[in-house]
N, C-alpha and C. Protein backbone atom coordinates (compact mmCIF):
# COMPACT_ATOMS: atom_id res chain seq x y z
N UNK A 1 22.41 142.57 128.53
CA UNK A 1 23.26 141.57 129.11
C UNK A 1 24.53 142.64 129.88
N UNK A 2 25.03 143.48 128.90
CA UNK A 2 26.22 144.25 129.45
C UNK A 2 25.82 144.93 130.75
N UNK A 3 24.60 145.67 130.64
CA UNK A 3 24.27 146.30 131.85
C UNK A 3 24.27 145.42 133.20
N UNK A 4 23.89 144.20 133.09
CA UNK A 4 23.79 143.35 134.14
C UNK A 4 25.16 143.00 134.62
N UNK A 5 26.00 142.87 133.57
CA UNK A 5 27.53 142.75 134.00
C UNK A 5 28.05 143.73 134.77
N UNK A 6 28.02 144.96 134.22
CA UNK A 6 28.39 146.20 134.72
C UNK A 6 27.74 146.35 136.18
N UNK A 7 26.62 146.35 136.32
CA UNK A 7 25.76 146.25 137.50
C UNK A 7 26.51 145.36 138.63
N UNK A 8 26.83 144.10 138.32
CA UNK A 8 27.34 143.32 139.17
C UNK A 8 28.84 143.81 139.63
N UNK A 9 29.47 144.27 138.78
CA UNK A 9 30.79 144.72 139.13
C UNK A 9 30.80 145.96 140.11
N UNK A 10 29.93 146.93 139.76
CA UNK A 10 29.79 147.72 140.86
C UNK A 10 29.07 147.40 142.02
N UNK A 11 28.14 146.57 142.06
CA UNK A 11 27.51 145.99 143.34
C UNK A 11 28.67 145.39 144.13
N UNK A 12 29.70 144.73 143.56
CA UNK A 12 30.80 144.10 144.14
C UNK A 12 31.60 145.07 144.87
N UNK A 13 32.04 145.96 144.09
CA UNK A 13 32.86 147.13 144.56
C UNK A 13 32.41 147.87 145.68
N UNK A 14 31.28 148.33 145.55
CA UNK A 14 30.52 149.11 146.76
C UNK A 14 30.21 148.26 147.81
N UNK A 15 29.55 147.19 147.73
CA UNK A 15 29.35 146.23 148.85
C UNK A 15 30.33 145.79 149.64
N UNK A 16 31.37 145.52 148.99
CA UNK A 16 32.49 144.90 149.91
C UNK A 16 33.23 145.96 150.54
N UNK A 17 33.34 147.17 149.98
CA UNK A 17 33.90 148.26 150.57
C UNK A 17 33.22 148.72 151.76
N UNK A 18 31.98 148.84 151.71
CA UNK A 18 30.98 149.19 152.66
C UNK A 18 30.99 148.22 153.99
N UNK A 19 30.66 146.94 153.49
CA UNK A 19 30.54 146.05 154.49
C UNK A 19 31.90 145.79 155.40
N UNK A 20 32.96 145.87 154.87
CA UNK A 20 34.16 145.72 155.45
C UNK A 20 34.69 146.90 156.25
N UNK A 21 34.21 148.06 155.69
CA UNK A 21 34.67 149.33 156.24
C UNK A 21 33.73 149.53 157.60
N UNK A 22 32.56 149.20 157.62
CA UNK A 22 31.57 149.45 158.63
C UNK A 22 31.98 148.39 159.74
N UNK A 23 32.45 147.17 159.28
CA UNK A 23 32.51 146.16 160.15
C UNK A 23 33.79 146.33 160.99
N UNK A 24 34.85 146.68 160.48
CA UNK A 24 36.30 146.95 160.99
C UNK A 24 36.61 145.66 161.85
N UNK A 25 36.31 144.62 161.40
CA UNK A 25 36.86 143.26 162.16
C UNK A 25 37.86 142.54 161.52
N UNK A 26 38.66 141.88 162.13
CA UNK A 26 39.55 140.86 161.50
C UNK A 26 39.22 139.46 161.45
N UNK A 27 37.95 139.40 161.84
CA UNK A 27 37.56 137.89 162.07
C UNK A 27 37.22 137.29 160.84
N UNK A 28 37.21 136.01 160.67
CA UNK A 28 36.90 135.23 159.29
C UNK A 28 35.54 135.25 158.94
N UNK A 29 34.58 135.51 160.00
CA UNK A 29 33.11 135.77 159.72
C UNK A 29 32.77 137.10 159.52
N UNK A 30 31.80 137.10 158.67
CA UNK A 30 31.29 138.48 158.36
C UNK A 30 29.82 138.58 159.17
N UNK A 31 29.82 139.67 160.04
CA UNK A 31 28.63 140.05 160.70
C UNK A 31 27.86 141.05 159.75
N UNK A 32 26.44 141.11 160.22
CA UNK A 32 25.59 141.87 159.33
C UNK A 32 26.00 143.42 159.78
N UNK A 33 25.66 144.27 158.69
CA UNK A 33 25.90 145.63 158.98
C UNK A 33 24.52 146.40 159.05
N UNK A 34 24.46 147.21 160.11
CA UNK A 34 23.30 147.92 160.28
C UNK A 34 23.11 149.07 159.15
N UNK A 35 21.81 149.31 158.97
CA UNK A 35 21.57 150.54 158.03
C UNK A 35 22.19 151.76 158.53
N UNK A 36 22.20 151.94 159.78
CA UNK A 36 22.94 153.13 160.39
C UNK A 36 24.39 153.23 159.99
N UNK A 37 25.06 152.10 160.13
CA UNK A 37 26.39 151.85 159.79
C UNK A 37 26.64 152.17 158.27
N UNK A 38 25.75 151.81 157.42
CA UNK A 38 25.80 152.05 156.02
C UNK A 38 25.77 153.56 155.82
N UNK A 39 24.49 154.25 156.45
CA UNK A 39 24.59 155.63 156.30
C UNK A 39 25.71 156.53 156.86
N UNK A 40 26.30 155.96 157.83
CA UNK A 40 27.72 156.66 158.32
C UNK A 40 28.67 156.60 157.41
N UNK A 41 28.77 155.42 156.88
CA UNK A 41 30.01 155.08 156.01
C UNK A 41 29.88 156.12 154.60
N UNK A 42 28.41 156.13 154.10
CA UNK A 42 28.26 156.89 152.95
C UNK A 42 28.51 158.35 153.14
N UNK A 43 28.45 158.95 154.48
CA UNK A 43 28.77 160.14 154.74
C UNK A 43 30.27 160.56 154.74
N UNK A 44 31.06 159.47 154.78
CA UNK A 44 32.51 159.55 154.87
C UNK A 44 33.15 159.64 153.47
N UNK A 45 32.93 160.88 152.87
CA UNK A 45 33.52 160.86 151.52
C UNK A 45 34.98 160.62 151.36
N UNK A 46 35.75 161.12 152.25
CA UNK A 46 37.37 160.67 152.34
C UNK A 46 37.48 159.15 152.25
N UNK A 47 36.87 158.41 152.91
CA UNK A 47 36.98 156.92 153.12
C UNK A 47 36.56 156.29 151.70
N UNK A 48 35.36 156.73 151.37
CA UNK A 48 34.95 156.34 149.99
C UNK A 48 35.82 156.58 149.09
N UNK A 49 36.31 157.86 148.85
CA UNK A 49 37.46 158.06 147.84
C UNK A 49 38.75 157.27 147.75
N UNK A 50 39.07 156.96 149.04
CA UNK A 50 40.27 155.96 149.42
C UNK A 50 40.08 154.73 148.91
N UNK A 51 38.79 154.21 148.94
CA UNK A 51 38.47 152.82 148.53
C UNK A 51 38.27 152.85 146.93
N UNK A 52 37.68 153.93 146.57
CA UNK A 52 37.59 153.91 144.99
C UNK A 52 38.89 154.16 144.45
N UNK A 53 39.98 154.84 144.87
CA UNK A 53 41.13 154.94 144.41
C UNK A 53 42.06 153.66 144.40
N UNK A 54 41.72 152.92 145.31
CA UNK A 54 42.30 151.45 145.55
C UNK A 54 41.65 150.55 144.39
N UNK A 55 40.58 150.54 144.17
CA UNK A 55 39.75 149.83 143.37
C UNK A 55 40.25 150.39 141.97
N UNK A 56 40.62 151.38 141.74
CA UNK A 56 41.04 151.89 140.34
C UNK A 56 42.65 151.72 140.38
N UNK A 57 43.25 151.30 141.19
CA UNK A 57 44.64 151.14 141.15
C UNK A 57 45.46 152.37 141.20
N UNK A 58 44.70 153.51 141.84
CA UNK A 58 45.57 154.66 142.03
C UNK A 58 46.02 155.16 143.38
N UNK A 59 45.73 154.22 144.31
CA UNK A 59 46.07 154.48 145.56
C UNK A 59 46.34 153.34 146.44
N UNK A 60 46.95 153.35 147.51
CA UNK A 60 47.25 152.10 148.42
C UNK A 60 45.82 151.55 148.78
N UNK A 61 45.88 150.09 149.06
CA UNK A 61 44.82 149.34 149.52
C UNK A 61 44.95 149.14 150.91
N UNK A 62 43.90 149.12 151.76
CA UNK A 62 43.94 148.69 153.10
C UNK A 62 43.13 147.45 152.94
N UNK A 63 43.14 146.75 154.18
CA UNK A 63 42.56 145.27 154.12
C UNK A 63 41.10 145.42 153.47
N UNK A 64 40.46 146.41 153.48
CA UNK A 64 39.01 146.46 152.79
C UNK A 64 39.35 146.41 151.36
N UNK A 65 40.24 147.14 150.78
CA UNK A 65 40.39 147.30 149.40
C UNK A 65 41.11 145.93 148.86
N UNK A 66 41.84 145.43 149.55
CA UNK A 66 42.36 144.00 149.14
C UNK A 66 41.38 143.07 149.07
N UNK A 67 40.35 143.02 150.14
CA UNK A 67 39.36 142.05 150.03
C UNK A 67 38.28 142.33 148.66
N UNK A 68 38.23 143.69 148.59
CA UNK A 68 37.36 144.00 147.50
C UNK A 68 37.92 143.39 146.18
N UNK A 69 39.09 143.52 146.00
CA UNK A 69 39.91 142.99 144.77
C UNK A 69 39.86 141.64 144.61
N UNK A 70 39.92 140.74 145.80
CA UNK A 70 40.15 139.32 146.00
C UNK A 70 38.83 138.62 145.52
N UNK A 71 37.80 139.52 145.81
CA UNK A 71 36.34 138.99 145.47
C UNK A 71 35.76 139.26 144.09
N UNK A 72 36.55 140.13 143.39
CA UNK A 72 36.12 140.48 141.97
C UNK A 72 35.75 139.27 141.12
N UNK A 73 36.36 138.16 141.10
CA UNK A 73 36.02 137.00 140.18
C UNK A 73 34.55 136.56 140.50
N UNK A 74 34.08 136.61 141.69
CA UNK A 74 32.82 136.32 142.03
C UNK A 74 31.72 137.07 141.34
N UNK A 75 31.99 138.55 141.34
CA UNK A 75 31.07 139.29 140.85
C UNK A 75 31.16 139.33 139.35
N UNK A 76 32.42 139.08 138.80
CA UNK A 76 32.50 139.18 137.40
C UNK A 76 31.72 138.00 136.80
N UNK A 77 31.44 136.82 137.54
CA UNK A 77 30.70 135.66 137.15
C UNK A 77 29.29 136.01 137.22
N UNK A 78 28.80 137.22 137.87
CA UNK A 78 27.44 137.53 137.98
C UNK A 78 26.74 136.98 139.28
N UNK A 79 27.54 136.49 140.21
CA UNK A 79 26.93 135.85 141.31
C UNK A 79 27.26 136.57 142.61
N UNK A 80 26.43 136.61 143.40
CA UNK A 80 26.69 137.24 144.83
C UNK A 80 26.08 136.23 145.74
N UNK A 81 26.42 134.99 145.82
CA UNK A 81 25.88 133.90 146.55
C UNK A 81 26.00 134.32 148.11
N UNK A 82 27.07 135.01 148.29
CA UNK A 82 27.41 135.37 149.81
C UNK A 82 26.68 136.55 150.27
N UNK A 83 25.80 137.05 149.52
CA UNK A 83 24.89 138.21 149.84
C UNK A 83 23.56 137.90 150.38
N UNK A 84 23.32 138.37 151.62
CA UNK A 84 22.00 138.22 152.27
C UNK A 84 21.07 139.02 151.79
N UNK A 85 19.66 138.87 151.95
CA UNK A 85 18.70 139.97 151.56
C UNK A 85 18.84 141.21 152.03
N UNK A 86 19.41 141.32 153.22
CA UNK A 86 19.63 142.59 153.83
C UNK A 86 20.80 143.36 153.02
N UNK A 87 21.79 142.58 152.66
CA UNK A 87 22.81 143.07 151.77
C UNK A 87 22.58 143.56 150.61
N UNK A 88 21.59 142.67 149.99
CA UNK A 88 21.03 143.07 148.55
C UNK A 88 20.15 144.36 148.67
N UNK A 89 19.52 144.55 149.83
CA UNK A 89 18.82 145.96 149.88
C UNK A 89 19.79 146.96 149.96
N UNK A 90 20.66 146.89 150.76
CA UNK A 90 21.68 147.83 151.07
C UNK A 90 22.56 148.06 149.84
N UNK A 91 22.67 147.16 148.92
CA UNK A 91 23.46 147.29 147.72
C UNK A 91 22.70 148.17 146.94
N UNK A 92 21.32 148.23 146.80
CA UNK A 92 20.53 148.97 145.90
C UNK A 92 20.64 150.48 146.45
N UNK A 93 20.69 150.75 147.82
CA UNK A 93 20.75 151.92 148.43
C UNK A 93 22.17 152.47 148.02
N UNK A 94 23.18 151.66 148.17
CA UNK A 94 24.69 152.31 148.09
C UNK A 94 24.80 152.62 146.43
N UNK A 95 24.24 151.87 145.52
CA UNK A 95 24.40 152.00 144.20
C UNK A 95 23.57 153.31 143.75
N UNK A 96 22.49 153.56 144.26
CA UNK A 96 21.92 154.70 144.12
C UNK A 96 22.77 156.09 144.48
N UNK A 97 23.36 155.93 145.74
CA UNK A 97 24.34 157.01 146.39
C UNK A 97 25.35 157.34 145.50
N UNK A 98 26.07 156.18 144.90
CA UNK A 98 27.19 156.37 144.28
C UNK A 98 27.01 156.99 142.88
N UNK A 99 25.99 156.67 142.20
CA UNK A 99 25.47 156.98 140.88
C UNK A 99 25.25 158.56 140.96
N UNK A 100 24.71 159.11 142.05
CA UNK A 100 24.23 160.48 142.15
C UNK A 100 25.52 161.26 142.74
N UNK A 101 26.33 160.88 143.72
CA UNK A 101 27.22 161.61 144.41
C UNK A 101 28.66 161.27 143.68
N UNK A 102 28.99 160.31 143.05
CA UNK A 102 30.14 160.00 142.45
C UNK A 102 30.10 159.55 141.16
N UNK A 103 29.54 160.27 140.24
CA UNK A 103 29.27 159.79 138.80
C UNK A 103 30.52 159.43 138.15
N UNK A 104 31.64 160.46 138.26
CA UNK A 104 32.90 160.22 137.58
C UNK A 104 33.51 159.00 137.98
N UNK A 105 33.77 158.79 139.21
CA UNK A 105 34.32 157.41 139.63
C UNK A 105 33.36 156.33 139.39
N UNK A 106 32.15 156.39 139.41
CA UNK A 106 31.19 155.40 138.99
C UNK A 106 31.60 154.88 137.60
N UNK A 107 31.51 155.86 136.79
CA UNK A 107 31.97 155.49 135.21
C UNK A 107 33.40 154.93 135.10
N UNK A 108 34.33 155.41 135.91
CA UNK A 108 35.60 154.78 135.75
C UNK A 108 35.72 153.42 136.21
N UNK A 109 34.93 153.02 137.26
CA UNK A 109 34.79 151.71 137.92
C UNK A 109 34.02 150.67 136.78
N UNK A 110 33.26 151.07 136.13
CA UNK A 110 32.50 150.39 135.26
C UNK A 110 33.70 149.97 134.01
N UNK A 111 34.28 151.06 133.63
CA UNK A 111 35.34 151.00 132.56
C UNK A 111 36.32 149.93 133.02
N UNK A 112 36.97 150.07 134.34
CA UNK A 112 37.92 149.39 134.85
C UNK A 112 37.69 148.01 134.90
N UNK A 113 36.49 147.63 135.38
CA UNK A 113 36.23 146.14 135.73
C UNK A 113 35.34 145.67 134.65
N UNK A 114 35.06 146.18 133.56
CA UNK A 114 34.32 145.51 132.38
C UNK A 114 35.24 144.99 131.26
N UNK A 115 36.47 145.36 131.57
CA UNK A 115 37.65 145.11 130.61
C UNK A 115 37.45 144.82 129.30
């Protein structure tokens, strides 16, 4: 049960950061994000670190980071009703990437959001 809770938190953090980073729109509607856009975002270590620092309260937050924090309650409830099947597939990809490439930050996010 605790693993599912932690998984949901990380899914939230990573998904929101990447979706809104790749999107770079200020519209109220969310458009789908291509797999190529996800790949490009994952290659931008500097951007990913900036979003991780925001999520951990260690750095300033841009609109992406603020959105990430505002959606936290949804994920803490274990639901992602806003996620499409494409986003769910992309989440799995991003989670694998984060676990391998950012293990220290991954663990800190789990601790931060599992309260």
